[in-house]
């Protein structure tokens, strides 16, 4: 059995940190611009700026939290 709260928090934190890292790489080195543009179509306000990275992190945390909770819950149901 997976602890749903722990897994959901882990997913949320990981995805938020990933979005911040990718935004920072785009700001500093221009890497990942196409990914940032693609994600910004879903996460309004996300972009390769400091404010955009924070907005993306909030969106990413919420998205990761919900998706992680659904995944863990479904896994627990299937695993029995």
N, C-alpha and C. Protein backbone atom coordinates (compact mmCIF):
# COMPACT_ATOMS: atom_id res chain seq x y z
N UNK A 1 0.84 -1.19 0.00
CA UNK A 1 0.00 0.00 0.00
C UNK A 1 0.88 1.25 0.00
N UNK A 2 0.50 2.20 -0.80
CA UNK A 2 1.21 3.47 -0.88
C UNK A 2 0.50 4.47 0.02
N UNK A 3 1.28 5.23 0.79
CA UNK A 3 0.72 6.32 1.58
C UNK A 3 0.33 7.44 0.62
N UNK A 4 -0.96 7.68 0.47
CA UNK A 4 -1.47 8.60 -0.54
C UNK A 4 -0.97 10.02 -0.30
N UNK A 5 -1.01 10.49 0.95
CA UNK A 5 -0.57 11.86 1.25
C UNK A 5 0.91 12.05 0.94
N UNK A 6 1.73 11.09 1.36
CA UNK A 6 3.17 11.20 1.14
C UNK A 6 3.51 11.16 -0.35
N UNK A 7 2.86 10.27 -1.09
CA UNK A 7 3.13 10.17 -2.52
C UNK A 7 2.67 11.43 -3.24
N UNK A 8 1.50 11.94 -2.89
CA UNK A 8 0.99 13.15 -3.52
C UNK A 8 1.91 14.34 -3.25
N UNK A 9 2.36 14.50 -2.02
CA UNK A 9 3.30 15.58 -1.70
C UNK A 9 4.61 15.43 -2.45
N UNK A 10 5.11 14.22 -2.54
CA UNK A 10 6.35 13.97 -3.27
C UNK A 10 6.21 14.36 -4.73
N UNK A 11 5.12 13.96 -5.35
CA UNK A 11 4.88 14.31 -6.76
C UNK A 11 4.76 15.82 -6.94
N UNK A 12 4.03 16.47 -6.05
CA UNK A 12 3.86 17.92 -6.14
C UNK A 12 5.17 18.66 -6.00
N UNK A 13 5.96 18.29 -5.01
CA UNK A 13 7.25 18.95 -4.79
C UNK A 13 8.20 18.68 -5.95
N UNK A 14 8.25 17.46 -6.42
CA UNK A 14 9.14 17.11 -7.53
C UNK A 14 8.78 17.88 -8.80
N UNK A 15 7.50 17.95 -9.14
CA UNK A 15 7.09 18.62 -10.37
C UNK A 15 7.30 20.13 -10.26
N UNK A 16 7.02 20.71 -9.10
CA UNK A 16 7.24 22.14 -8.90
C UNK A 16 8.73 22.47 -9.02
N UNK A 17 9.58 21.67 -8.40
CA UNK A 17 11.02 21.90 -8.48
C UNK A 17 11.53 21.73 -9.90
N UNK A 18 10.98 20.77 -10.62
CA UNK A 18 11.38 20.56 -12.02
C UNK A 18 11.03 21.77 -12.88
N UNK A 19 9.85 22.33 -12.67
CA UNK A 19 9.45 23.50 -13.45
C UNK A 19 10.32 24.71 -13.14
N UNK A 20 10.69 24.89 -11.87
CA UNK A 20 11.58 25.99 -11.51
C UNK A 20 12.95 25.79 -12.16
N UNK A 21 13.48 24.58 -12.11
CA UNK A 21 14.78 24.29 -12.70
C UNK A 21 14.77 24.54 -14.21
N UNK A 22 13.74 24.10 -14.89
CA UNK A 22 13.67 24.28 -16.33
C UNK A 22 13.54 25.77 -16.68
N UNK A 23 12.74 26.51 -15.91
CA UNK A 23 12.63 27.96 -16.15
C UNK A 23 13.97 28.64 -15.92
N UNK A 24 14.70 28.23 -14.89
CA UNK A 24 16.02 28.81 -14.61
C UNK A 24 17.01 28.50 -15.73
N UNK A 25 17.00 27.27 -16.23
CA UNK A 25 17.88 26.91 -17.34
C UNK A 25 17.54 27.72 -18.59
N UNK A 26 16.27 27.96 -18.79
CA UNK A 26 15.86 28.76 -19.94
C UNK A 26 16.31 30.21 -19.78
N UNK A 27 16.19 30.76 -18.57
CA UNK A 27 16.61 32.14 -18.31
C UNK A 27 18.11 32.30 -18.50
N UNK A 28 18.89 31.36 -17.97
CA UNK A 28 20.36 31.49 -17.97
C UNK A 28 21.01 31.06 -19.27
N UNK A 29 20.56 29.94 -19.83
CA UNK A 29 21.27 29.37 -20.97
C UNK A 29 20.41 29.24 -22.22
N UNK A 30 19.14 29.56 -22.13
CA UNK A 30 18.27 29.43 -23.30
C UNK A 30 17.86 28.00 -23.60
N UNK A 31 18.16 27.09 -22.68
CA UNK A 31 17.79 25.69 -22.89
C UNK A 31 16.35 25.44 -22.48
N UNK A 32 15.65 24.62 -23.21
CA UNK A 32 14.30 24.22 -22.82
C UNK A 32 13.20 25.21 -23.17
N UNK A 33 13.48 26.14 -24.07
CA UNK A 33 12.47 27.15 -24.40
C UNK A 33 11.22 26.53 -24.99
N UNK A 34 11.37 25.53 -25.83
CA UNK A 34 10.18 24.91 -26.43
C UNK A 34 9.34 24.21 -25.37
N UNK A 35 9.99 23.60 -24.36
CA UNK A 35 9.24 22.96 -23.28
C UNK A 35 8.49 24.00 -22.46
N UNK A 36 9.17 25.11 -22.13
CA UNK A 36 8.54 26.18 -21.36
C UNK A 36 7.34 26.73 -22.13
N UNK A 37 7.49 26.93 -23.42
CA UNK A 37 6.38 27.44 -24.22
C UNK A 37 5.21 26.46 -24.24
N UNK A 38 5.50 25.18 -24.34
CA UNK A 38 4.44 24.17 -24.35
C UNK A 38 3.70 24.14 -23.01
N UNK A 39 4.46 24.13 -21.91
CA UNK A 39 3.84 24.06 -20.58
C UNK A 39 3.07 25.35 -20.28
N UNK A 40 3.56 26.47 -20.78
CA UNK A 40 2.88 27.75 -20.50
C UNK A 40 1.50 27.82 -21.16
N UNK A 41 1.24 26.95 -22.12
CA UNK A 41 -0.10 26.90 -22.70
C UNK A 41 -1.11 26.27 -21.74
N UNK A 42 -0.62 25.46 -20.81
CA UNK A 42 -1.49 24.81 -19.84
C UNK A 42 -1.46 25.55 -18.50
N UNK A 43 -0.28 25.94 -18.06
CA UNK A 43 -0.10 26.65 -16.79
C UNK A 43 0.00 28.15 -17.09
N UNK A 44 -1.11 28.83 -16.97
CA UNK A 44 -1.15 30.26 -17.27
C UNK A 44 -0.20 31.04 -16.37
N UNK A 45 0.64 31.86 -16.97
CA UNK A 45 1.59 32.67 -16.22
C UNK A 45 2.98 32.08 -16.13
N UNK A 46 3.13 30.80 -16.47
CA UNK A 46 4.45 30.17 -16.42
C UNK A 46 5.31 30.70 -17.56
N UNK A 47 6.55 30.98 -17.26
CA UNK A 47 7.46 31.47 -18.29
C UNK A 47 8.88 31.53 -17.78
N UNK A 48 9.82 31.88 -18.66
CA UNK A 48 11.23 31.92 -18.28
C UNK A 48 11.61 33.23 -17.58
N UNK A 49 10.87 33.59 -16.56
CA UNK A 49 11.15 34.75 -15.72
C UNK A 49 11.06 34.31 -14.26
N UNK A 50 11.62 35.07 -13.34
CA UNK A 50 11.50 34.67 -11.93
C UNK A 50 10.05 34.56 -11.47
N UNK A 51 9.22 35.53 -11.84
CA UNK A 51 7.80 35.47 -11.45
C UNK A 51 7.11 34.31 -12.16
N UNK A 52 7.41 34.12 -13.43
CA UNK A 52 6.82 33.01 -14.18
C UNK A 52 7.20 31.66 -13.62
N UNK A 53 8.44 31.54 -13.12
CA UNK A 53 8.88 30.28 -12.52
C UNK A 53 8.10 29.99 -11.23
N UNK A 54 7.84 31.03 -10.44
CA UNK A 54 7.07 30.83 -9.20
C UNK A 54 5.63 30.46 -9.52
N UNK A 55 5.05 31.15 -10.49
CA UNK A 55 3.67 30.82 -10.90
C UNK A 55 3.60 29.38 -11.40
N UNK A 56 4.58 28.99 -12.21
CA UNK A 56 4.62 27.61 -12.71
C UNK A 56 4.81 26.60 -11.59
N UNK A 57 5.60 26.98 -10.58
CA UNK A 57 5.81 26.07 -9.45
C UNK A 57 4.52 25.85 -8.68
N UNK A 58 3.73 26.90 -8.52
CA UNK A 58 2.45 26.76 -7.83
C UNK A 58 1.52 25.86 -8.63
N UNK A 59 1.40 26.13 -9.92
CA UNK A 59 0.58 25.28 -10.79
C UNK A 59 1.09 23.84 -10.75
N UNK A 60 2.40 23.67 -10.87
CA UNK A 60 2.99 22.34 -10.89
C UNK A 60 2.79 21.59 -9.59
N UNK A 61 2.91 22.29 -8.47
CA UNK A 61 2.69 21.64 -7.18
C UNK A 61 1.25 21.15 -7.07
N UNK A 62 0.30 22.00 -7.45
CA UNK A 62 -1.11 21.59 -7.38
C UNK A 62 -1.40 20.43 -8.32
N UNK A 63 -0.87 20.50 -9.53
CA UNK A 63 -1.08 19.45 -10.51
C UNK A 63 -0.44 18.14 -10.05
N UNK A 64 0.79 18.22 -9.58
CA UNK A 64 1.48 17.03 -9.08
C UNK A 64 0.80 16.43 -7.87
N UNK A 65 0.30 17.29 -7.00
CA UNK A 65 -0.41 16.84 -5.80
C UNK A 65 -1.65 16.04 -6.18
N UNK A 66 -2.47 16.60 -7.04
CA UNK A 66 -3.72 15.94 -7.45
C UNK A 66 -3.42 14.66 -8.22
N UNK A 67 -2.53 14.74 -9.20
CA UNK A 67 -2.23 13.55 -10.00
C UNK A 67 -1.57 12.46 -9.16
N UNK A 68 -0.68 12.84 -8.25
CA UNK A 68 -0.05 11.87 -7.36
C UNK A 68 -1.06 11.18 -6.45
N UNK A 69 -2.01 11.96 -5.93
CA UNK A 69 -3.04 11.37 -5.06
C UNK A 69 -3.93 10.41 -5.84
N UNK A 70 -4.31 10.79 -7.04
CA UNK A 70 -5.14 9.90 -7.87
C UNK A 70 -4.38 8.63 -8.21
N UNK A 71 -3.11 8.78 -8.58
CA UNK A 71 -2.30 7.61 -8.92
C UNK A 71 -2.17 6.67 -7.73
N UNK A 72 -1.83 7.20 -6.55
CA UNK A 72 -1.66 6.36 -5.36
C UNK A 72 -2.96 5.69 -4.96
N UNK A 73 -4.06 6.43 -5.02
CA UNK A 73 -5.36 5.86 -4.68
C UNK A 73 -5.71 4.72 -5.63
N UNK A 74 -5.51 4.95 -6.94
CA UNK A 74 -5.81 3.93 -7.93
C UNK A 74 -4.91 2.71 -7.76
N UNK A 75 -3.65 2.95 -7.49
CA UNK A 75 -2.72 1.84 -7.24
C UNK A 75 -3.19 1.01 -6.05
N UNK A 76 -3.56 1.68 -4.97
CA UNK A 76 -4.02 0.96 -3.78
C UNK A 76 -5.28 0.15 -4.07
N UNK A 77 -6.18 0.70 -4.89
CA UNK A 77 -7.40 -0.04 -5.25
C UNK A 77 -7.08 -1.28 -6.08
N UNK A 78 -6.17 -1.13 -7.03
CA UNK A 78 -5.85 -2.25 -7.91
C UNK A 78 -5.02 -3.31 -7.17
N UNK A 79 -4.08 -2.84 -6.34
CA UNK A 79 -3.21 -3.78 -5.62
C UNK A 79 -3.98 -4.53 -4.53
N UNK A 80 -5.10 -3.94 -4.11
CA UNK A 80 -5.97 -4.62 -3.16
C UNK A 80 -5.51 -4.52 -1.75
